[in-house]
Amino acid sequence: MAAREYLEEVNALRVTLSAIEQVLNLPKLEADFKTLEAEASAPNLWDDPEKAQVVTSKLSRVQATLNKSNTIRRRLEDIPLLLELAQGEKDQSAIADAGNELDDVTRAIRELEVQTLLSGEFDDRDCLITIRSEAGGVEAADWAAMLMRMYLRYCERHNFKVDVLETSYAEEAGIKSTTFRVNAPYAYGTLSVEQGTHRLVRISPFDSQSRRHTSFAGVEVVPVVEQSDHIEIDEKELRIDVYRSSGPGGQGVNTTDSAVRITHLPSGIVVSCQNERSQIQNKATAMAVLQSKLLARRRQEERARLDALKGDNSGSWGNQMRSYVLAPYQMVKDLRTDFEVGNPSAVLDGEIDGFIEAGIKWRKSTD
């Protein structure tokens, strides 16, 4: 690619980035950062733990957005300098490196542009993802495990911190369910578009006659609850069971009855946690998961009431949202956005950015 074309790309990206910076309102973010930083430095901040949590969470998210925007701007402005030096020395390898940097910056700007669409009440929070095997027996359990790996690989690619809270293994293969927390700015807003039923069509490795099977797994995504959300739970409405953690290997958590399962009787919601050695720690984590799920249910009920008032009978977009076909042809297609790719292996290895970006844009267009 000629230098002129490189510079044309840089100029086009400058225009895009400037538009994104206007939407983000960087002067306001910088003012908010200074205010929040001063509040977080107050010696009596933790006298009010609820307020302290709100302040520190907001500070972390504002700082992350500013750092990301400023880093992208700096990298973009450095590219013409890299090109000038490389061309002056006629170093084709250095020119290629500058092109690779331009590709990386282009992807980063596209991700930041998508982030500007995340303006929901809880979009900037961490999230909890629960995956459950549905219709399909052992096939569905294996499919649920494949989806778990897909999301963990996606998080790994983006340097998102993940804590697996509970995994219930199936007898023959795969998992019955799993719940994990994703810690990253805008984790909920980004990954909430993955909620729904995921359908797999393939030649079953568990079928001696190599027949094609269809299996299903459900993905649930909820925002992590904060102290300010005021989700009250009556202890009398809970059934708490303790049991021995299960899983491959001989981890210390498998030697005592430390795992905790909590059933919220009025709603029927069941949550479990087994990743800590202490029963007390597992109970506290499970209670936090239950609060998040109750918060999500409350939001769904409120939205359903509003939809009823508006006469919206379209139903939830979350059900039957994506198909993964491995045989007789290869394709992954989102049924809401019509976004599709012909490389299921890459998708199942965590390359789902295109689906997430299309989902966020689709959701924004339907709001």
Protein backbone atom coordinates (compact mmCIF):
# COMPACT_ATOMS: atom_id res chain seq x y z
CA MET A 1 0.00 0.00 0.00
CA ALA A 2 1.42 3.38 -0.98
CA ALA A 3 2.19 6.05 1.61
CA ARG A 4 -0.50 8.32 0.18
CA GLU A 5 -3.15 5.69 0.83
CA TYR A 6 -1.90 5.19 4.40
CA LEU A 7 -2.20 8.89 5.06
CA GLU A 8 -5.68 9.00 3.53
CA GLU A 9 -6.74 6.28 5.97
CA VAL A 10 -5.22 8.22 8.86
CA ASN A 11 -7.10 11.38 7.86
CA ALA A 12 -10.39 9.47 7.58
CA LEU A 13 -9.81 7.94 11.03
CA ARG A 14 -9.11 11.39 12.46
CA VAL A 15 -12.54 12.53 11.33
CA THR A 16 -14.19 9.43 12.83
CA LEU A 17 -12.30 9.73 16.11
CA SER A 18 -13.16 13.42 16.43
CA ALA A 19 -16.86 12.57 16.02
CA ILE A 20 -16.56 9.86 18.68
CA GLU A 21 -14.81 12.28 21.06
CA GLN A 22 -17.68 14.73 20.62
CA VAL A 23 -20.22 12.04 21.51
CA LEU A 24 -18.16 10.99 24.53
CA ASN A 25 -17.90 14.67 25.54
CA LEU A 26 -14.26 14.46 26.68
CA PRO A 27 -14.25 17.87 28.48
CA LYS A 28 -17.15 16.69 30.65
CA LEU A 29 -15.47 13.34 31.27
CA GLU A 30 -12.28 15.09 32.33
CA ALA A 31 -14.25 17.38 34.67
CA ASP A 32 -16.09 14.36 36.08
CA PHE A 33 -12.77 12.58 36.59
CA LYS A 34 -11.33 15.46 38.63
CA THR A 35 -14.48 15.67 40.75
CA LEU A 36 -14.62 11.92 41.36
CA GLU A 37 -10.88 11.76 42.06
CA ALA A 38 -11.27 14.45 44.72
CA GLU A 39 -14.22 12.58 46.27
CA ALA A 40 -12.30 9.31 46.24
CA SER A 41 -9.37 10.97 48.02
CA ALA A 42 -11.52 12.21 50.90
CA PRO A 43 -10.34 10.64 54.20
CA ASN A 44 -13.91 9.94 55.32
CA LEU A 45 -15.02 8.34 52.03
CA TRP A 46 -15.53 4.87 53.49
CA ASP A 47 -17.61 6.16 56.39
CA ASP A 48 -20.45 5.65 53.92
CA PRO A 49 -19.64 2.35 52.11
CA GLU A 50 -22.58 2.65 49.72
CA LYS A 51 -21.48 6.09 48.51
CA ALA A 52 -17.85 4.97 48.40
CA GLN A 53 -18.70 2.08 46.10
CA VAL A 54 -20.60 4.35 43.71
CA VAL A 55 -17.78 6.91 43.64
CA THR A 56 -14.97 4.39 43.08
CA SER A 57 -16.93 2.51 40.41
CA LYS A 58 -17.71 5.70 38.49
CA LEU A 59 -14.11 6.86 38.81
CA SER A 60 -12.81 3.57 37.42
CA ARG A 61 -15.15 3.66 34.43
CA VAL A 62 -14.53 7.33 33.58
CA GLN A 63 -10.78 6.80 33.85
CA ALA A 64 -10.92 3.73 31.61
CA THR A 65 -12.84 5.62 28.91
CA LEU A 66 -10.48 8.60 29.03
CA ASN A 67 -7.39 6.39 28.93
CA LYS A 68 -8.75 4.43 25.98
CA SER A 69 -9.67 7.54 24.01
CA ASN A 70 -6.38 9.32 24.73
CA THR A 71 -4.31 6.24 23.91
CA ILE A 72 -6.07 5.78 20.56
CA ARG A 73 -5.57 9.46 19.70
CA ARG A 74 -1.87 9.27 20.55
CA ARG A 75 -1.34 6.10 18.54
CA LEU A 76 -3.18 7.56 15.54
CA GLU A 77 -1.07 10.71 15.55
CA ASP A 78 2.14 8.65 15.80
CA ILE A 79 1.44 6.68 12.61
CA PRO A 80 2.42 9.46 10.12
CA LEU A 81 5.70 9.88 12.01
CA LEU A 82 6.38 6.15 11.81
CA LEU A 83 5.67 6.21 8.08
CA GLU A 84 7.92 9.21 7.49
CA LEU A 85 10.85 7.55 9.27
CA ALA A 86 10.31 4.23 7.51
CA GLN A 87 10.05 5.84 4.06
CA GLY A 88 13.09 7.99 4.70
CA GLU A 89 15.13 4.88 5.39
CA LYS A 90 13.29 2.90 2.67
CA ASP A 91 12.61 0.22 5.26
CA GLN A 92 9.81 -1.95 3.87
CA SER A 93 9.57 -3.94 7.11
CA ALA A 94 9.02 -0.74 9.11
CA ILE A 95 6.40 0.42 6.59
CA ALA A 96 4.60 -2.90 7.02
CA ASP A 97 4.75 -2.45 10.82
CA ALA A 98 3.16 0.98 10.45
CA GLY A 99 0.41 -0.61 8.38
CA ASN A 100 -0.21 -3.21 11.08
CA GLU A 101 -0.41 -0.45 13.68
CA LEU A 102 -2.92 1.37 11.48
CA ASP A 103 -5.05 -1.80 11.31
CA ASP A 104 -4.92 -2.15 15.12
CA VAL A 105 -5.90 1.48 15.65
CA THR A 106 -8.76 1.11 13.14
CA ARG A 107 -10.14 -1.81 15.18
CA ALA A 108 -9.74 0.13 18.43
CA ILE A 109 -11.62 3.12 17.00
CA ARG A 110 -14.44 0.86 15.81
CA GLU A 111 -14.72 -0.65 19.31
CA LEU A 112 -14.80 2.82 20.88
CA GLU A 113 -17.46 3.88 18.37
CA VAL A 114 -19.62 0.92 19.39
CA GLN A 115 -19.13 1.85 23.06
CA THR A 116 -20.78 5.21 22.40
CA LEU A 117 -24.00 3.27 21.69
CA LEU A 118 -23.97 1.80 25.21
CA SER A 119 -26.03 4.33 27.14
CA GLY A 120 -28.38 2.03 29.06
CA GLU A 121 -28.84 2.35 32.82
CA PHE A 122 -26.50 -0.56 33.64
CA ASP A 123 -24.46 -0.80 30.43
CA ASP A 124 -21.19 0.32 32.04
CA ARG A 125 -21.26 -2.39 34.73
CA ASP A 126 -19.64 -5.79 35.09
CA CYS A 127 -21.90 -8.70 34.18
CA LEU A 128 -22.79 -12.25 35.15
CA ILE A 129 -23.15 -14.80 32.36
CA THR A 130 -25.04 -18.05 32.95
CA ILE A 131 -25.03 -20.80 30.33
CA ARG A 132 -27.42 -23.76 30.58
CA SER A 133 -27.77 -26.84 28.41
CA GLU A 134 -31.30 -27.17 27.03
CA ALA A 135 -32.89 -29.64 24.59
CA GLY A 136 -30.51 -32.21 23.18
CA GLY A 137 -29.25 -34.41 26.04
CA VAL A 138 -25.51 -35.07 26.03
CA GLU A 139 -25.23 -33.06 22.81
CA ALA A 140 -26.66 -30.00 24.57
CA ALA A 141 -24.34 -30.44 27.55
CA ASP A 142 -21.34 -30.57 25.22
CA TRP A 143 -22.69 -27.54 23.34
CA ALA A 144 -23.00 -25.58 26.61
CA ALA A 145 -19.34 -26.35 27.34
CA MET A 146 -18.36 -25.17 23.84
CA LEU A 147 -20.22 -21.89 24.41
CA MET A 148 -18.50 -21.43 27.77
CA ARG A 149 -15.12 -21.84 26.09
CA MET A 150 -16.16 -19.39 23.33
CA TYR A 151 -16.96 -16.64 25.82
CA LEU A 152 -13.88 -17.30 27.94
CA ARG A 153 -11.70 -17.08 24.81
CA TYR A 154 -13.45 -13.84 23.82
CA CYS A 155 -12.73 -12.37 27.26
CA GLU A 156 -9.13 -13.57 27.08
CA ARG A 157 -8.67 -11.88 23.70
CA HIS A 158 -9.91 -8.59 25.18
CA ASN A 159 -8.05 -8.89 28.50
CA PHE A 160 -11.33 -9.03 30.45
CA LYS A 161 -10.99 -10.50 33.94
CA VAL A 162 -13.24 -13.53 34.48
CA ASP A 163 -14.22 -15.29 37.71
CA VAL A 164 -15.97 -18.64 37.27
CA LEU A 165 -18.40 -18.88 40.18
CA GLU A 166 -20.00 -22.27 39.56
CA THR A 167 -19.95 -25.08 37.03
CA SER A 168 -22.20 -28.13 37.13
CA TYR A 169 -20.72 -30.93 35.04
CA ALA A 170 -22.84 -33.38 33.09
CA GLU A 171 -22.31 -37.11 33.61
CA GLU A 172 -21.15 -38.13 30.13
CA ALA A 173 -19.68 -34.93 28.68
CA GLY A 174 -19.97 -31.16 28.84
CA ILE A 175 -21.78 -29.14 31.48
CA LYS A 176 -25.30 -28.71 32.77
CA SER A 177 -24.68 -25.06 33.64
CA THR A 178 -22.07 -22.49 34.54
CA THR A 179 -22.03 -18.95 35.90
CA PHE A 180 -19.09 -16.56 35.60
CA ARG A 181 -18.49 -12.88 36.22
CA VAL A 182 -16.89 -10.64 33.59
CA ASN A 183 -15.05 -7.66 35.07
CA ALA A 184 -14.51 -4.95 32.45
CA PRO A 185 -15.85 -1.48 31.61
CA TYR A 186 -19.18 -1.80 29.76
CA ALA A 187 -19.13 -5.59 30.13
CA TYR A 188 -22.91 -5.77 30.59
CA GLY A 189 -23.76 -3.40 27.74
CA THR A 190 -21.39 -5.27 25.44
CA LEU A 191 -22.31 -8.85 26.28
CA SER A 192 -26.01 -8.44 27.02
CA VAL A 193 -26.73 -8.81 23.28
CA GLU A 194 -25.56 -12.43 23.60
CA GLN A 195 -28.58 -13.36 25.71
CA GLY A 196 -30.91 -15.91 24.22
CA THR A 197 -30.98 -19.45 22.84
CA HIS A 198 -28.00 -20.62 20.79
CA ARG A 199 -28.64 -23.52 18.36
CA LEU A 200 -25.99 -25.96 17.14
CA VAL A 201 -26.32 -28.28 14.13
CA ARG A 202 -23.53 -30.82 13.59
CA ILE A 203 -22.61 -34.47 13.06
CA SER A 204 -22.72 -35.77 16.60
CA PRO A 205 -19.44 -37.15 17.99
CA PHE A 206 -21.61 -39.12 20.45
CA ASP A 207 -23.66 -40.89 17.76
CA SER A 208 -22.16 -44.17 16.54
CA GLN A 209 -24.08 -43.77 13.27
CA SER A 210 -22.69 -40.24 12.71
CA ARG A 211 -26.08 -38.66 12.29
CA ARG A 212 -26.72 -34.94 12.29
CA HIS A 213 -28.07 -33.58 15.58
CA THR A 214 -29.54 -30.25 16.69
CA SER A 215 -28.97 -29.07 20.24
CA PHE A 216 -29.69 -25.92 22.23
CA ALA A 217 -28.11 -23.93 25.05
CA GLY A 218 -29.42 -20.82 26.77
CA VAL A 219 -27.31 -17.78 27.64
CA GLU A 220 -28.42 -15.34 30.33
CA VAL A 221 -26.58 -12.04 30.93
CA VAL A 222 -27.36 -9.78 33.91
CA PRO A 223 -25.64 -6.68 35.34
CA VAL A 224 -23.75 -7.03 38.60
CA VAL A 225 -25.76 -5.53 41.44
CA GLU A 226 -24.36 -2.59 43.40
CA GLN A 227 -25.17 -1.58 46.97
CA SER A 228 -27.12 1.40 45.70
CA ASP A 229 -29.60 -0.88 43.88
CA HIS A 230 -31.49 -1.76 47.10
CA ILE A 231 -32.50 -5.31 46.23
CA GLU A 232 -33.99 -6.58 49.48
CA ILE A 233 -34.31 -10.32 50.06
CA ASP A 234 -36.27 -11.86 52.92
CA GLU A 235 -34.24 -14.72 54.43
CA LYS A 236 -37.51 -16.58 55.03
CA GLU A 237 -37.98 -16.79 51.26
CA LEU A 238 -34.70 -18.65 50.75
CA ARG A 239 -33.78 -22.31 50.83
CA ILE A 240 -30.03 -22.74 51.30
CA ASP A 241 -28.33 -26.08 50.60
CA VAL A 242 -24.66 -26.92 51.06
CA TYR A 243 -22.89 -29.69 49.19
CA ARG A 244 -19.49 -30.87 48.05
CA SER A 245 -18.15 -29.16 44.95
CA SER A 246 -17.83 -31.30 41.85
CA GLY A 247 -15.49 -31.09 38.95
CA PRO A 248 -12.43 -32.59 37.29
CA GLY A 249 -9.26 -32.98 39.30
CA GLY A 250 -8.68 -33.04 43.04
CA GLN A 251 -8.95 -29.42 44.01
CA GLY A 252 -9.19 -28.47 47.66
CA VAL A 253 -12.74 -27.23 47.15
CA ASN A 254 -13.79 -30.81 46.44
CA THR A 255 -12.91 -32.08 49.93
CA THR A 256 -15.48 -30.25 52.07
CA ASP A 257 -19.18 -29.33 51.88
CA SER A 258 -18.33 -25.73 50.97
CA ALA A 259 -20.46 -25.25 47.84
CA VAL A 260 -23.71 -23.33 48.35
CA ARG A 261 -26.98 -23.45 46.43
CA ILE A 262 -29.64 -20.82 47.14
CA THR A 263 -33.24 -21.13 45.94
CA HIS A 264 -35.41 -18.00 45.96
CA LEU A 265 -38.79 -19.58 46.60
CA PRO A 266 -41.12 -16.81 45.27
CA SER A 267 -39.36 -16.56 41.89
CA GLY A 268 -37.92 -20.06 41.60
CA ILE A 269 -34.47 -18.61 40.81
CA VAL A 270 -31.65 -20.98 41.80
CA VAL A 271 -28.02 -19.84 42.09
CA SER A 272 -24.89 -21.70 43.16
CA CYS A 273 -21.29 -20.91 43.99
CA GLN A 274 -18.44 -23.33 44.50
CA ASN A 275 -15.28 -21.45 43.56
CA GLU A 276 -14.29 -20.43 47.11
CA ARG A 277 -12.94 -22.75 49.82
CA SER A 278 -15.13 -21.19 52.49
CA GLN A 279 -18.86 -21.90 52.76
CA ILE A 280 -19.34 -18.35 54.07
CA GLN A 281 -17.58 -16.85 51.04
CA ASN A 282 -19.59 -19.01 48.65
CA LYS A 283 -22.83 -17.98 50.34
CA ALA A 284 -21.94 -14.28 50.06
CA THR A 285 -21.07 -14.67 46.38
CA ALA A 286 -24.24 -16.66 45.68
CA MET A 287 -26.33 -13.97 47.40
CA ALA A 288 -24.73 -11.32 45.17
CA VAL A 289 -25.57 -13.40 42.08
CA LEU A 290 -29.16 -13.81 43.30
CA GLN A 291 -29.47 -10.05 43.80
CA SER A 292 -28.25 -9.44 40.25
CA LYS A 293 -30.76 -11.91 38.81
CA LEU A 294 -33.60 -10.37 40.84
CA LEU A 295 -32.54 -6.92 39.63
CA ALA A 296 -32.65 -8.16 36.02
CA ARG A 297 -36.08 -9.74 36.61
CA ARG A 298 -37.39 -6.48 38.06
CA ARG A 299 -36.16 -4.60 34.99
CA GLN A 300 -37.79 -7.17 32.69
CA GLU A 301 -41.10 -6.83 34.52
CA GLU A 302 -40.93 -3.04 34.33
CA ARG A 303 -40.17 -3.21 30.61
CA ALA A 304 -43.02 -5.69 30.06
CA ARG A 305 -45.44 -3.29 31.75
CA LEU A 306 -44.24 -0.43 29.55
CA ASP A 307 -44.52 -2.59 26.44
CA ALA A 308 -48.06 -3.54 27.42
CA LEU A 309 -48.96 0.13 27.81
CA LYS A 310 -47.46 0.84 24.38
CA GLY A 311 -49.21 -2.16 22.85
CA ASP A 312 -45.90 -3.85 22.04
CA ASN A 313 -46.59 -7.55 21.46
CA SER A 314 -43.37 -8.34 19.64
CA GLY A 315 -42.03 -10.41 22.53
CA SER A 316 -38.44 -10.75 23.69
CA TRP A 317 -35.69 -10.66 21.08
CA GLY A 318 -33.56 -12.87 23.26
CA ASN A 319 -35.04 -16.27 22.27
CA GLN A 320 -33.58 -18.33 19.40
CA MET A 321 -31.01 -15.68 18.55
CA ARG A 322 -28.18 -17.49 16.73
CA SER A 323 -27.55 -20.66 14.74
CA TYR A 324 -24.19 -22.42 14.44
CA VAL A 325 -24.17 -24.91 11.57
CA LEU A 326 -21.19 -27.26 11.25
CA ALA A 327 -22.82 -29.76 8.85
CA PRO A 328 -23.82 -30.16 6.04
CA TYR A 329 -22.33 -26.69 5.44
CA GLN A 330 -20.49 -24.27 7.73
CA MET A 331 -22.05 -21.01 8.85
CA VAL A 332 -22.88 -18.99 11.96
CA LYS A 333 -25.82 -16.62 11.56
CA ASP A 334 -27.48 -14.19 13.96
CA LEU A 335 -31.23 -14.43 13.45
CA ARG A 336 -31.89 -10.87 14.67
CA THR A 337 -29.30 -8.93 12.69
CA ASP A 338 -28.70 -11.36 9.76
CA PHE A 339 -24.96 -10.98 10.43
CA GLU A 340 -23.21 -14.19 9.42
CA VAL A 341 -19.76 -15.68 8.90
CA GLY A 342 -18.63 -18.87 7.20
CA ASN A 343 -15.94 -19.82 9.72
CA PRO A 344 -17.54 -21.46 12.79
CA SER A 345 -14.14 -22.57 14.12
CA ALA A 346 -13.00 -18.96 14.52
CA VAL A 347 -16.32 -17.98 16.12
CA LEU A 348 -16.13 -20.84 18.61
CA ASP A 349 -12.58 -19.74 19.40
CA GLY A 350 -13.92 -16.41 20.62
CA GLU A 351 -13.98 -14.27 17.48
CA ILE A 352 -17.49 -12.92 18.07
CA ASP A 353 -16.78 -9.17 17.84
CA GLY A 354 -18.71 -8.83 14.59
CA PHE A 355 -21.81 -10.44 16.12
CA ILE A 356 -21.59 -8.27 19.24
CA GLU A 357 -21.11 -5.07 17.23
CA ALA A 358 -24.05 -5.92 14.94
CA GLY A 359 -26.17 -6.82 17.99
CA ILE A 360 -25.47 -3.53 19.75
CA LYS A 361 -26.32 -1.53 16.64
CA TRP A 362 -29.47 -3.60 16.09
CA ARG A 363 -30.60 -3.09 19.67
CA LYS A 364 -30.01 0.65 19.41
CA SER A 365 -32.11 0.81 16.25
CA THR A 366 -35.03 -0.92 17.98
CA ASP A 367 -35.03 1.22 21.14
